[in-house]
């Protein structure tokens, strides 16, 4: 148990049997009345976000979330298999929990797997990953480093918009949060 004064971004709360992650919070003291804590909460299961206001110093149930760095091994067709690098235990995670993270997962890559009482809640990837461009249309004479973009398919099968000068076979850095191009990988 904690109080609303102890809230931190990323903390997971158990409200009415559902798990909610704190995305944002702000302590607010209006001119009249008691202080309140405004929050933006994201439902871990559905991904739905809601704004919720608590009175200050109210007790809230903090869920015990175990975050472990695990290695992604492979997709067996029905689930994604991760391995705990410390114990070598393997964990199968269903595609609906992995979600869009599958667009950026390469075999043997590390990811954070968050669990609550043995149940997998979500997969957290690094902020950026390096992927090879497997196909993109060739750039045309006169293409500059500033200006337009074109779609490129990366080795995981995802499509990323890249600048016109990127060619097939190059490695690029991609932001895993919004699928945006961050730059070329050199060397």
Protein backbone atom coordinates (compact mmCIF):
# COMPACT_ATOMS: atom_id res chain seq x y z
CA UNK A 1 0.00 0.00 0.00
CA UNK A 2 1.07 3.56 -0.74
CA UNK A 3 -0.61 6.95 -0.78
CA UNK A 4 -1.33 9.17 -3.75
CA UNK A 5 1.51 11.42 -2.51
CA UNK A 6 3.97 8.59 -3.30
CA UNK A 7 2.96 8.23 -6.97
CA UNK A 8 5.72 8.07 -9.58
CA UNK A 9 5.64 7.77 -13.38
CA UNK A 10 5.69 4.11 -14.42
CA UNK A 11 4.24 2.86 -11.13
CA UNK A 12 1.50 0.23 -11.54
CA UNK A 13 -1.64 0.49 -9.41
CA UNK A 14 -4.27 -2.12 -8.71
CA UNK A 15 -7.60 -0.27 -8.86
CA UNK A 16 -10.77 -2.36 -8.56
CA UNK A 17 -8.94 -5.51 -9.71
CA UNK A 18 -7.47 -3.89 -12.84
CA UNK A 19 -3.85 -2.87 -13.35
CA UNK A 20 -3.17 0.74 -14.35
CA UNK A 21 0.21 2.31 -15.09
CA UNK A 22 0.83 5.92 -14.05
CA UNK A 23 1.75 7.85 -17.21
CA UNK A 24 1.66 11.33 -15.67
CA UNK A 25 0.69 12.89 -12.34
CA UNK A 26 0.48 16.34 -10.81
CA UNK A 27 -0.17 17.52 -7.27
CA UNK A 28 -2.70 20.36 -7.28
CA UNK A 29 -3.78 22.65 -4.44
CA UNK A 30 -6.85 24.68 -5.39
CA UNK A 31 -7.69 27.91 -3.60
CA UNK A 32 -10.48 26.24 -1.62
CA UNK A 33 -10.67 22.66 -0.38
CA UNK A 34 -8.05 19.98 0.00
CA UNK A 35 -5.15 19.14 -2.25
CA UNK A 36 -5.70 16.63 -5.06
CA UNK A 37 -3.49 14.52 -7.29
CA UNK A 38 -4.39 14.53 -10.99
CA UNK A 39 -3.21 11.51 -12.93
CA UNK A 40 -3.25 10.02 -16.40
CA UNK A 41 -3.48 6.23 -16.11
CA UNK A 42 -3.10 3.59 -18.81
CA UNK A 43 -4.86 0.24 -18.47
CA UNK A 44 -2.17 -2.41 -18.93
CA UNK A 45 -4.56 -4.98 -20.41
CA UNK A 46 -6.56 -2.83 -22.85
CA UNK A 47 -4.11 0.04 -23.44
CA UNK A 48 -6.93 2.54 -22.74
CA UNK A 49 -5.88 5.81 -21.06
CA UNK A 50 -8.02 7.70 -18.57
CA UNK A 51 -7.65 10.83 -16.46
CA UNK A 52 -8.36 10.25 -12.79
CA UNK A 53 -8.21 12.66 -9.85
CA UNK A 54 -7.49 11.41 -6.34
CA UNK A 55 -7.70 13.29 -3.07
CA UNK A 56 -4.22 13.81 -1.64
CA UNK A 57 -2.98 11.24 0.88
CA UNK A 58 -5.52 8.56 -0.18
CA UNK A 59 -4.25 4.98 0.07
CA UNK A 60 -3.80 3.15 -3.25
CA UNK A 61 -2.84 -0.46 -3.87
CA UNK A 62 0.50 -0.68 -5.69
CA UNK A 63 0.77 -3.82 -7.84
CA UNK A 64 3.93 -5.89 -7.54
CA UNK A 65 5.41 -5.77 -11.04
CA UNK A 66 8.52 -7.82 -11.69
CA UNK A 67 10.55 -6.43 -14.59
CA UNK A 68 13.25 -8.73 -15.92
CA UNK A 69 15.62 -8.39 -18.81
CA UNK A 70 15.05 -11.41 -21.01
CA UNK A 71 16.35 -12.56 -24.37
CA UNK A 72 13.89 -13.01 -27.24
CA UNK A 73 14.56 -16.44 -28.76
CA UNK A 74 11.98 -17.09 -31.48
CA UNK A 75 8.33 -17.09 -32.52
CA UNK A 76 6.95 -20.64 -32.67
CA UNK A 77 3.87 -19.59 -34.66
CA UNK A 78 1.54 -19.25 -31.68
CA UNK A 79 3.67 -17.35 -29.17
CA UNK A 80 6.92 -15.48 -28.67
CA UNK A 81 9.49 -17.34 -26.58
CA UNK A 82 11.72 -15.38 -24.18
CA UNK A 83 14.51 -16.72 -21.97
CA UNK A 84 15.57 -15.43 -18.57
CA UNK A 85 19.32 -14.95 -19.01
CA UNK A 86 19.97 -15.66 -15.32
CA UNK A 87 17.97 -18.86 -14.80
CA UNK A 88 17.60 -19.99 -18.46
CA UNK A 89 13.85 -20.43 -17.82
CA UNK A 90 11.79 -19.98 -20.97
CA UNK A 91 8.58 -17.98 -21.06
CA UNK A 92 5.95 -18.02 -23.80
CA UNK A 93 4.21 -14.69 -24.46
CA UNK A 94 1.09 -14.41 -26.60
CA UNK A 95 1.10 -12.11 -29.67
CA UNK A 96 -1.62 -9.82 -28.25
CA UNK A 97 0.65 -8.98 -25.28
CA UNK A 98 3.73 -8.44 -27.49
CA UNK A 99 1.68 -6.19 -29.80
CA UNK A 100 3.59 -3.69 -31.94
CA UNK A 101 6.87 -4.58 -30.21
CA UNK A 102 7.06 -7.53 -32.64
CA UNK A 103 7.87 -5.01 -35.41
CA UNK A 104 11.25 -4.38 -33.81
CA UNK A 105 12.23 -7.68 -32.17
CA UNK A 106 15.14 -9.64 -33.59
CA UNK A 107 16.08 -13.09 -32.36
CA UNK A 108 18.57 -13.00 -29.45
CA UNK A 109 17.70 -9.34 -28.72
CA UNK A 110 17.10 -8.33 -25.11
CA UNK A 111 13.80 -6.89 -23.91
CA UNK A 112 12.23 -6.19 -20.53
CA UNK A 113 9.36 -8.52 -19.68
CA UNK A 114 7.03 -7.20 -16.95
CA UNK A 115 5.03 -9.74 -14.95
CA UNK A 116 2.56 -9.60 -12.08
CA UNK A 117 1.99 -12.81 -10.08
CA UNK A 118 3.39 -14.90 -12.94
CA UNK A 119 1.20 -13.24 -15.57
CA UNK A 120 2.97 -11.33 -18.35
CA UNK A 121 1.74 -7.73 -18.56
CA UNK A 122 3.80 -6.17 -21.34
CA UNK A 123 7.09 -6.18 -23.25
CA UNK A 124 9.36 -3.13 -23.07
CA UNK A 125 11.95 -2.70 -25.81
CA UNK A 126 14.97 -0.40 -25.75
CA UNK A 127 14.12 3.15 -26.93
CA UNK A 128 15.83 2.47 -30.26
CA UNK A 129 17.00 -0.55 -32.25
CA UNK A 130 19.33 -1.01 -35.20
CA UNK A 131 17.77 -2.84 -38.15
CA UNK A 132 18.86 -3.58 -41.69
CA UNK A 133 16.80 -2.26 -44.60
CA UNK A 134 15.79 -5.32 -46.64
CA UNK A 135 13.97 -3.40 -49.38
CA UNK A 136 13.36 0.16 -50.42
CA UNK A 137 12.88 1.83 -53.77
CA UNK A 138 16.12 3.27 -55.15
CA UNK A 139 16.62 7.00 -54.72
CA UNK A 140 16.50 9.19 -57.80
CA UNK A 141 19.14 11.60 -59.06
CA UNK A 142 18.68 14.90 -57.30
CA UNK A 143 17.46 13.39 -54.00
CA UNK A 144 18.81 15.38 -51.09
CA UNK A 145 19.27 14.57 -47.45
CA UNK A 146 16.49 17.00 -46.60
CA UNK A 147 13.00 16.73 -47.93
CA UNK A 148 10.88 13.71 -48.72
CA UNK A 149 10.69 10.23 -47.32
CA UNK A 150 9.92 6.81 -48.75
CA UNK A 151 8.80 3.54 -47.17
CA UNK A 152 11.48 0.96 -46.37
CA UNK A 153 11.01 -2.62 -45.19
CA UNK A 154 13.37 -3.66 -42.38
CA UNK A 155 14.56 -7.15 -41.47
CA UNK A 156 11.69 -7.73 -39.00
CA UNK A 157 9.13 -7.09 -41.78
CA UNK A 158 8.03 -3.71 -40.42
CA UNK A 159 7.77 -0.66 -42.67
CA UNK A 160 9.54 2.55 -41.66
CA UNK A 161 9.55 5.90 -43.49
CA UNK A 162 13.16 6.82 -44.29
CA UNK A 163 14.86 9.71 -46.13
CA UNK A 164 15.20 9.30 -49.90
CA UNK A 165 18.98 8.66 -49.74
CA UNK A 166 18.68 5.39 -47.72
CA UNK A 167 19.37 2.26 -49.81
CA UNK A 168 18.66 -1.46 -49.44
CA UNK A 169 21.24 -3.17 -47.21
CA UNK A 170 21.96 -0.16 -44.98
CA UNK A 171 21.52 -0.37 -41.21
CA UNK A 172 19.30 2.30 -39.68
CA UNK A 173 18.36 3.26 -36.13
CA UNK A 174 14.59 3.18 -35.45
CA UNK A 175 12.65 4.60 -32.48
CA UNK A 176 10.61 1.69 -31.05
CA UNK A 177 7.97 3.98 -29.55
CA UNK A 178 6.73 5.64 -32.75
CA UNK A 179 8.46 3.71 -35.59
CA UNK A 180 10.38 6.79 -36.66
CA UNK A 181 13.73 6.87 -38.43
CA UNK A 182 16.53 8.17 -36.18
CA UNK A 183 19.54 7.91 -38.45
CA UNK A 184 22.03 5.72 -40.28
CA UNK A 185 24.24 3.28 -38.41
CA UNK A 186 27.81 3.62 -39.60
CA UNK A 187 30.71 1.27 -39.00
